Amino acid sequence: MPDEQGSQALGGWSPAELRPTLKEFSGVGADSDADPLMRFKRGVARVIRRRQAIDELGSDPKELSVFLLQPLGVEQLGLRREPMLDSGVTPIAGKIWLVNAAVASGKGKELGVIDAEGVFRIVTEELALGNVPTVVVDPRLKQTEARYYPSGLNEPDDYETVRLYCSDVDLQQVCEVIERVYRQCLITPDAQPVGLKLWRAPRQHRPEQDAEHRIQAILKAAFVAAFPTCRVFDEVSGTMGRADLHLEEPDPIDRERVSQLAVLELKVLRSFSVNGARYSNSDNAGWVEGGVKQAGAYRDERGYRVAVLCCFDMRREDAGEGCFEHVQELAAKMVVSLRRWYIYGSSELCREVLATNRARGTDS
C-alpha cells in the first residue's frame, strides 16, 4: 500500500529499497542493475507488457497470475519450464510462476482457482511461500494492475503498484521523482547515502569534486525504480556531447522502437572547490548557461519530449532562483525547463530554515 509519504504515486519505490540499489548503478544502461528485487519488478512488468502487446485480441482469460521470486527448496513437481517466458508468447494468466530476478525464464502451472482468496491461500498455505517477494497480476480491471508484495502474500496490506506504462511521463512526473530523492537522499549531509556523500567539508561548503556524478547515480536508481518499463541511461554519447541522464521507453515488441521521454543535464553550483578555491558568480553563471545549451542540443538531436537543466545548489548562501535570470530567454528559445534544489551544509541549518519558513507561513 502507499506509504505515509505517498511513494506509491511514483510507481512503487521507497527509501528502503532505493538506498541499497544506489551503488549498483554505475554502468551505461539500467538493464544491468544488480539489485534482485528491482530487477524482479522490472522483469515482470516487461513480461506483462509484451504479453498484452502480442495478445492483441485479448483472448487470454481475465484471471489472476502470480510471480514468485526465487523460492528455495520448493517441490517443483508439476511445474512446466518456460525457457523464454520473457518473449511474451506464453500466456501468463491463471498461472503461478517461479522466476529468478531477470524473469527471462520460469516454471509455472495452472492455479486452478480464479478468486483472490483462493490464489493467496495456494501461495501462503499449500505452498508455504507467503514470505517470498511476489507480484500478483490482475487483468480484470480496465487497465491491468500489478501489485508487488515485498514481504510476500503473508502481508497482504503491504504492497506497491508496479507502473506498467510510462508513455505519459512528463516534466511534472520527472521533477516529482527528483524532489522525492532530494528530500530523502540529498538535502543534508545526514540524508546522503554512505558512499555517495556530496560534501567533502560541509561546514566549509566544499563539495566533492565528483558531486554531479554522485547525484547522477542516485537519480538513476530512483528513475529506474519509479519508471520500471523505461531504460535509464547515463553519460549517453551523441554528436552534441554526453547527456547526463535520459529516459526512454522501448516498444514491448520492437525494442528498437523507443519513445524518447526526457533528457536531464545536471549541474552543481559551488562557492568553493573541493580544495577550498573560491568560485565566482560568473563561474556559476557560465555553468548554468552551458547546461541550458547542452540540454537544448540533446533535445533537438534525439527529439526528447522533456529537456530540463537540474541545478543542485551547494553554494554558501541560498540565493533562490536568481541563478536562472540570465538564461530565461535562452531556455525558452531552446525549450529547456529550469529547476533548482538547494543542498544544505548541515541538518541544523536546514531545520532552522524550515522552522523560520513555517513561522512566516511560507513553503519550505
Protein backbone atom coordinates (compact mmCIF):
# COMPACT_ATOMS: atom_id res chain seq x y z
CA MET A 1 0.00 0.00 0.00
CA PRO A 2 1.09 3.62 -0.30
CA ASP A 3 3.38 4.72 2.50
CA GLU A 4 2.78 7.83 4.54
CA GLN A 5 4.90 9.89 2.17
CA GLY A 6 2.94 8.69 -0.85
CA SER A 7 5.72 6.86 -2.68
CA GLN A 8 3.01 4.92 -4.46
CA ALA A 9 2.41 7.87 -6.78
CA LEU A 10 5.87 7.49 -8.29
CA GLY A 11 5.47 3.95 -9.49
CA GLY A 12 6.26 1.95 -6.38
CA TRP A 13 9.63 2.68 -4.77
CA SER A 14 10.60 3.54 -1.24
CA PRO A 15 13.71 4.83 0.54
CA ALA A 16 14.28 1.36 1.99
CA GLU A 17 14.68 -0.21 -1.44
CA LEU A 18 16.27 2.83 -3.09
CA ARG A 19 19.31 3.07 -0.80
CA PRO A 20 20.76 -0.44 -1.32
CA THR A 21 20.28 -0.02 -5.04
CA LEU A 22 22.23 3.20 -5.44
CA LYS A 23 25.69 1.68 -5.52
CA GLU A 24 24.71 -0.70 -8.30
CA PHE A 25 24.12 1.97 -10.94
CA SER A 26 27.43 2.93 -12.48
CA GLY A 27 27.13 1.30 -15.92
CA VAL A 28 25.85 2.64 -19.20
CA GLY A 29 22.34 1.22 -19.08
CA ALA A 30 19.80 0.42 -16.43
CA ASP A 31 19.02 -3.13 -17.54
CA SER A 32 22.14 -4.48 -15.87
CA ASP A 33 21.23 -3.27 -12.37
CA ALA A 34 22.15 -5.86 -9.80
CA ASP A 35 19.51 -5.36 -7.13
CA PRO A 36 17.35 -8.53 -7.41
CA LEU A 37 14.11 -7.00 -6.11
CA MET A 38 14.30 -4.11 -8.54
CA ARG A 39 15.11 -6.43 -11.44
CA PHE A 40 12.23 -8.71 -10.43
CA LYS A 41 9.64 -5.93 -10.58
CA ARG A 42 11.02 -4.57 -13.86
CA GLY A 43 11.18 -8.04 -15.37
CA VAL A 44 7.58 -8.87 -14.51
CA ALA A 45 6.44 -5.51 -15.91
CA ARG A 46 8.20 -6.24 -19.21
CA VAL A 47 6.64 -9.72 -19.44
CA ILE A 48 3.16 -8.28 -18.83
CA ARG A 49 3.55 -5.53 -21.43
CA ARG A 50 4.92 -7.88 -24.06
CA ARG A 51 2.22 -10.47 -23.48
CA GLN A 52 -0.51 -7.84 -23.76
CA ALA A 53 1.01 -6.49 -26.98
CA ILE A 54 1.13 -9.97 -28.53
CA ASP A 55 -2.37 -10.87 -27.33
CA GLU A 56 -3.91 -8.03 -29.34
CA LEU A 57 -7.38 -9.57 -29.39
CA GLY A 58 -7.46 -10.01 -25.63
CA SER A 59 -8.01 -13.76 -25.86
CA ASP A 60 -6.23 -14.53 -22.57
CA PRO A 61 -8.58 -15.24 -19.65
CA LYS A 62 -9.18 -12.41 -17.19
CA GLU A 63 -7.64 -14.34 -14.33
CA LEU A 64 -5.04 -13.52 -11.70
CA SER A 65 -1.48 -14.70 -12.12
CA VAL A 66 1.31 -14.84 -9.55
CA PHE A 67 5.08 -14.42 -9.89
CA LEU A 68 7.30 -15.62 -7.03
CA LEU A 69 10.96 -14.58 -6.80
CA GLN A 70 13.43 -17.46 -6.43
CA PRO A 71 11.70 -19.57 -3.77
CA LEU A 72 14.26 -22.03 -2.42
CA GLY A 73 13.66 -25.66 -1.56
CA VAL A 74 10.29 -25.81 -3.31
CA GLU A 75 8.87 -29.09 -4.54
CA GLN A 76 8.60 -28.33 -8.24
CA LEU A 77 6.64 -31.41 -9.31
CA GLY A 78 4.03 -30.42 -11.84
CA LEU A 79 5.73 -27.19 -12.88
CA ARG A 80 6.41 -26.73 -16.57
CA ARG A 81 9.59 -24.99 -17.66
CA GLU A 82 9.25 -21.98 -19.95
CA PRO A 83 12.79 -21.07 -21.05
CA MET A 84 11.63 -17.98 -22.98
CA LEU A 85 8.96 -16.57 -20.70
CA ASP A 86 10.02 -13.00 -21.50
CA SER A 87 9.20 -13.46 -25.19
CA GLY A 88 5.55 -12.80 -24.44
CA VAL A 89 4.39 -15.80 -26.47
CA THR A 90 3.41 -17.83 -23.40
CA PRO A 91 0.06 -16.95 -21.78
CA ILE A 92 0.61 -15.97 -18.15
CA ALA A 93 -2.96 -15.53 -16.88
CA GLY A 94 -4.36 -18.01 -14.38
CA LYS A 95 -0.93 -19.42 -13.54
CA ILE A 96 1.68 -19.36 -10.81
CA TRP A 97 5.25 -18.65 -11.91
CA LEU A 98 8.56 -19.30 -10.16
CA VAL A 99 11.17 -16.97 -11.63
CA ASN A 100 14.59 -15.52 -10.95
CA ALA A 101 15.30 -11.78 -10.85
CA ALA A 102 15.73 -11.46 -14.62
CA VAL A 103 12.29 -13.02 -15.33
CA ALA A 104 13.66 -14.31 -18.63
CA SER A 105 12.59 -17.89 -17.94
CA GLY A 106 10.36 -19.53 -15.36
CA LYS A 107 8.49 -22.59 -14.19
CA GLY A 108 4.74 -22.46 -13.97
CA LYS A 109 1.46 -24.28 -13.68
CA GLU A 110 -2.24 -23.54 -13.59
CA LEU A 111 -3.54 -22.06 -10.36
CA GLY A 112 -6.86 -23.82 -10.65
CA VAL A 113 -8.72 -21.01 -8.86
CA ILE A 114 -9.95 -17.64 -10.04
CA ASP A 115 -10.73 -15.76 -6.83
CA ALA A 116 -8.10 -13.73 -4.97
CA GLU A 117 -8.67 -15.55 -1.69
CA GLY A 118 -8.03 -18.87 -3.38
CA VAL A 119 -4.87 -17.58 -5.05
CA PHE A 120 -3.48 -16.20 -1.78
CA ARG A 121 -4.33 -19.43 0.03
CA ILE A 122 -2.44 -21.54 -2.52
CA VAL A 123 0.68 -19.44 -2.08
CA THR A 124 0.56 -18.98 1.69
CA GLU A 125 -0.87 -22.33 2.82
CA GLU A 126 -0.47 -25.02 0.19
CA LEU A 127 2.99 -23.92 -0.96
CA ALA A 128 4.02 -22.19 2.29
CA LEU A 129 5.62 -19.38 0.24
CA GLY A 130 3.89 -16.47 1.88
CA ASN A 131 7.20 -14.81 2.78
CA VAL A 132 8.63 -14.75 -0.76
CA PRO A 133 8.65 -11.46 -2.76
CA THR A 134 5.63 -11.70 -5.04
CA VAL A 135 3.90 -9.88 -7.87
CA VAL A 136 0.18 -10.51 -8.40
CA VAL A 137 -1.13 -9.53 -11.85
CA ASP A 138 -4.80 -8.59 -12.10
CA PRO A 139 -6.16 -8.24 -15.67
CA ARG A 140 -9.77 -7.96 -14.52
CA LEU A 141 -9.59 -4.18 -14.21
CA LYS A 142 -9.97 -1.67 -17.05
CA GLN A 143 -6.18 -1.45 -17.06
CA THR A 144 -4.16 -4.43 -15.89
CA GLU A 145 -2.69 -3.89 -12.43
CA ALA A 146 0.42 -5.48 -10.95
CA ARG A 147 0.89 -5.45 -7.17
CA TYR A 148 4.30 -6.07 -5.69
CA TYR A 149 4.42 -7.60 -2.19
CA PRO A 150 8.00 -7.19 -0.91
CA SER A 151 7.32 -9.31 2.20
CA GLY A 152 5.16 -11.85 0.36
CA LEU A 153 1.46 -12.61 0.48
CA ASN A 154 1.57 -13.23 4.23
CA GLU A 155 1.41 -9.42 4.38
CA PRO A 156 -1.49 -8.63 2.01
CA ASP A 157 -1.71 -4.98 3.09
CA ASP A 158 1.97 -4.31 2.36
CA TYR A 159 2.12 -3.80 -1.39
CA GLU A 160 3.13 -1.32 -4.07
CA THR A 161 1.60 -0.92 -7.50
CA VAL A 162 4.11 -1.52 -10.30
CA ARG A 163 3.78 1.02 -13.07
CA LEU A 164 3.30 -0.83 -16.36
CA TYR A 165 3.23 2.08 -18.82
CA CYS A 166 5.40 5.20 -18.88
CA SER A 167 4.47 6.74 -22.22
CA ASP A 168 2.76 9.62 -20.40
CA VAL A 169 5.83 10.65 -18.39
CA ASP A 170 6.07 14.44 -18.36
CA LEU A 171 8.08 17.21 -16.73
CA GLN A 172 5.98 17.20 -13.57
CA GLN A 173 6.48 13.48 -13.00
CA VAL A 174 10.21 13.72 -13.66
CA CYS A 175 10.54 16.57 -11.18
CA GLU A 176 8.42 14.76 -8.60
CA VAL A 177 10.94 11.93 -8.61
CA ILE A 178 13.82 14.36 -8.20
CA GLU A 179 12.01 16.18 -5.41
CA ARG A 180 11.42 12.91 -3.58
CA VAL A 181 15.10 11.98 -3.94
CA TYR A 182 16.14 15.46 -2.83
CA ARG A 183 14.06 15.23 0.35
CA GLN A 184 15.20 11.71 1.19
CA CYS A 185 18.78 11.47 -0.06
CA LEU A 186 20.28 14.88 -0.88
CA ILE A 187 19.01 17.78 1.22
CA THR A 188 21.54 17.48 4.09
CA PRO A 189 24.79 15.61 4.76
CA ASP A 190 22.91 13.25 7.09
CA ALA A 191 20.43 12.35 4.36
CA GLN A 192 23.07 11.42 1.81
CA PRO A 193 23.82 7.69 1.33
CA VAL A 194 27.06 6.27 2.65
CA GLY A 195 29.49 6.04 -0.26
CA LEU A 196 27.70 8.79 -2.17
CA LYS A 197 28.20 11.74 0.17
CA LEU A 198 28.19 15.03 -1.72
CA TRP A 199 30.27 17.06 0.74
CA ARG A 200 34.00 16.82 1.37
CA ALA A 201 33.74 19.51 4.08
CA PRO A 202 30.14 20.65 4.55
CA ARG A 203 30.87 23.29 7.19
CA GLN A 204 33.26 24.94 4.75
CA HIS A 205 30.86 24.43 1.83
CA ARG A 206 33.35 22.32 -0.12
CA PRO A 207 31.57 19.71 -2.27
CA GLU A 208 33.23 16.56 -3.51
CA GLN A 209 34.86 17.01 -6.89
CA ASP A 210 32.56 14.42 -8.48
CA ALA A 211 29.37 15.59 -6.74
CA GLU A 212 27.50 15.71 -10.07
CA HIS A 213 28.30 12.08 -10.81
CA ARG A 214 27.15 11.06 -7.32
CA ILE A 215 23.84 12.85 -7.80
CA GLN A 216 23.59 11.21 -11.20
CA ALA A 217 23.96 7.74 -9.65
CA ILE A 218 21.30 8.46 -7.04
CA LEU A 219 18.83 9.84 -9.58
CA LYS A 220 19.43 6.98 -11.98
CA ALA A 221 18.45 4.45 -9.32
CA ALA A 222 15.34 6.47 -8.48
CA PHE A 223 14.18 6.75 -12.09
CA VAL A 224 14.71 3.02 -12.65
CA ALA A 225 12.51 2.34 -9.63
CA ALA A 226 9.85 4.92 -10.49
CA PHE A 227 9.55 4.06 -14.19
CA PRO A 228 10.15 0.29 -14.42
CA THR A 229 9.32 -0.06 -18.11
CA CYS A 230 11.86 2.61 -19.08
CA ARG A 231 15.52 2.34 -19.91
CA VAL A 232 17.51 4.92 -17.97
CA PHE A 233 20.93 5.78 -19.34
CA ASP A 234 23.72 7.99 -18.09
CA GLU A 235 26.58 9.63 -19.99
CA VAL A 236 24.93 8.96 -23.35
CA SER A 237 27.22 9.92 -26.23
CA GLY A 238 25.90 11.81 -29.20
CA THR A 239 27.07 14.31 -31.78
CA MET A 240 26.29 17.07 -29.26
CA GLY A 241 28.29 15.51 -26.44
CA ARG A 242 27.27 13.42 -23.44
CA ALA A 243 23.86 13.71 -21.80
CA ASP A 244 23.89 13.17 -18.03
CA LEU A 245 20.65 11.18 -17.87
CA HIS A 246 17.98 10.21 -20.31
CA LEU A 247 14.80 8.17 -20.16
CA GLU A 248 13.28 6.17 -22.98
CA GLU A 249 10.55 3.56 -23.16
CA PRO A 250 11.03 0.79 -25.73
CA ASP A 251 8.14 -0.70 -27.62
CA PRO A 252 7.16 -4.03 -26.00
CA ILE A 253 7.50 -5.88 -29.31
CA ASP A 254 10.16 -4.00 -31.26
CA ARG A 255 12.83 -2.94 -28.76
CA GLU A 256 14.48 -0.78 -31.41
CA ARG A 257 11.45 1.49 -31.45
CA VAL A 258 11.59 3.82 -28.48
CA SER A 259 9.78 6.84 -27.11
CA GLN A 260 12.32 9.46 -26.10
CA LEU A 261 10.82 10.76 -22.88
CA ALA A 262 13.29 13.04 -21.12
CA VAL A 263 16.87 14.25 -21.07
CA LEU A 264 18.43 15.78 -17.95
CA GLU A 265 21.54 17.89 -17.67
CA LEU A 266 22.89 18.10 -14.10
CA LYS A 267 24.94 20.96 -12.68
CA VAL A 268 26.28 21.55 -9.19
CA LEU A 269 26.64 25.22 -8.23
CA ARG A 270 29.59 25.88 -5.94
CA SER A 271 31.11 28.61 -3.80
CA PHE A 272 34.28 26.59 -3.27
CA SER A 273 36.14 23.71 -4.86
CA VAL A 274 36.97 20.51 -3.00
CA ASN A 275 40.29 22.10 -2.03
CA GLY A 276 38.80 25.42 -0.96
CA ALA A 277 39.42 27.51 -4.08
CA ARG A 278 36.73 30.15 -4.49
CA TYR A 279 34.30 30.16 -7.44
CA SER A 280 32.74 33.42 -8.59
CA ASN A 281 29.19 34.26 -9.57
CA SER A 282 30.35 34.37 -13.19
CA ASP A 283 31.73 30.83 -12.88
CA ASN A 284 28.33 29.56 -11.76
CA ALA A 285 26.54 31.64 -14.39
CA GLY A 286 28.71 30.04 -17.05
CA TRP A 287 27.88 26.55 -15.82
CA VAL A 288 24.16 27.34 -15.91
CA GLU A 289 24.31 28.79 -19.42
CA GLY A 290 26.34 25.82 -20.62
CA GLY A 291 23.80 23.46 -19.09
CA VAL A 292 20.92 25.12 -20.95
CA LYS A 293 22.77 24.84 -24.25
CA GLN A 294 23.66 21.21 -23.62
CA ALA A 295 20.12 20.18 -22.65
CA GLY A 296 18.65 22.02 -25.64
CA ALA A 297 21.12 20.46 -28.06
CA TYR A 298 20.42 16.96 -26.73
CA ARG A 299 16.66 17.52 -27.02
CA ASP A 300 16.96 18.65 -30.63
CA GLU A 301 19.27 15.77 -31.55
CA ARG A 302 17.02 12.96 -30.37
CA GLY A 303 13.62 14.58 -30.08
CA TYR A 304 13.10 14.26 -26.34
CA ARG A 305 9.69 15.26 -25.06
CA VAL A 306 11.23 16.88 -21.98
CA ALA A 307 14.58 18.65 -21.57
CA VAL A 308 15.48 20.01 -18.16
CA LEU A 309 18.50 21.61 -16.56
CA CYS A 310 18.69 20.44 -12.95
CA CYS A 311 20.87 22.63 -10.74
CA PHE A 312 21.86 21.40 -7.29
CA ASP A 313 22.90 24.47 -5.39
CA MET A 314 25.71 23.80 -2.91
CA ARG A 315 26.79 27.42 -2.54
CA ARG A 316 27.35 29.01 0.84
CA GLU A 317 24.12 31.01 0.66
CA ASP A 318 20.75 30.11 -0.79
CA ALA A 319 20.16 32.84 -3.35
CA GLY A 320 16.96 31.36 -4.72
CA GLU A 321 16.16 31.22 -8.42
CA GLY A 322 18.40 34.16 -9.27
CA CYS A 323 20.90 31.78 -10.86
CA PHE A 324 18.49 31.47 -13.82
CA GLU A 325 17.81 35.14 -14.51
CA HIS A 326 20.43 35.46 -17.25
CA VAL A 327 19.26 32.34 -19.16
CA GLN A 328 15.47 32.69 -19.10
CA GLU A 329 15.24 33.87 -22.71
CA LEU A 330 17.76 31.28 -23.93
CA ALA A 331 15.98 28.46 -22.11
CA ALA A 332 12.62 29.49 -23.59
CA LYS A 333 14.06 29.51 -27.12
CA MET A 334 15.68 26.11 -26.65
CA VAL A 335 12.60 24.68 -24.85
CA VAL A 336 14.59 23.74 -21.75
CA SER A 337 12.96 23.74 -18.32
CA LEU A 338 14.92 25.08 -15.37
CA ARG A 339 14.84 23.57 -11.88
CA ARG A 340 16.97 24.10 -8.76
CA TRP A 341 17.38 22.34 -5.42
CA TYR A 342 19.41 23.79 -2.53
CA ILE A 343 21.61 21.38 -0.58
CA TYR A 344 22.35 22.41 2.99
CA GLY A 345 25.74 22.11 4.63
CA SER A 346 24.21 20.84 7.87
CA SER A 347 20.98 19.38 9.21
CA GLU A 348 20.91 22.12 11.86
CA LEU A 349 20.82 24.84 9.23
CA CYS A 350 18.12 23.01 7.30
CA ARG A 351 15.96 22.70 10.42
CA GLU A 352 16.45 26.37 11.20
CA VAL A 353 15.39 27.45 7.73
CA LEU A 354 12.34 25.17 7.77
CA ALA A 355 11.30 26.47 11.18
CA THR A 356 11.67 30.08 10.01
CA ASN A 357 9.64 29.40 6.88
CA ARG A 358 6.86 27.76 8.89
CA ALA A 359 6.76 30.71 11.27
CA ARG A 360 6.39 33.02 8.29
CA GLY A 361 3.73 30.80 6.76
CA THR A 362 5.79 30.16 3.63
CA ASP A 363 6.59 26.92 1.91
CA SER A 364 9.76 25.05 2.90
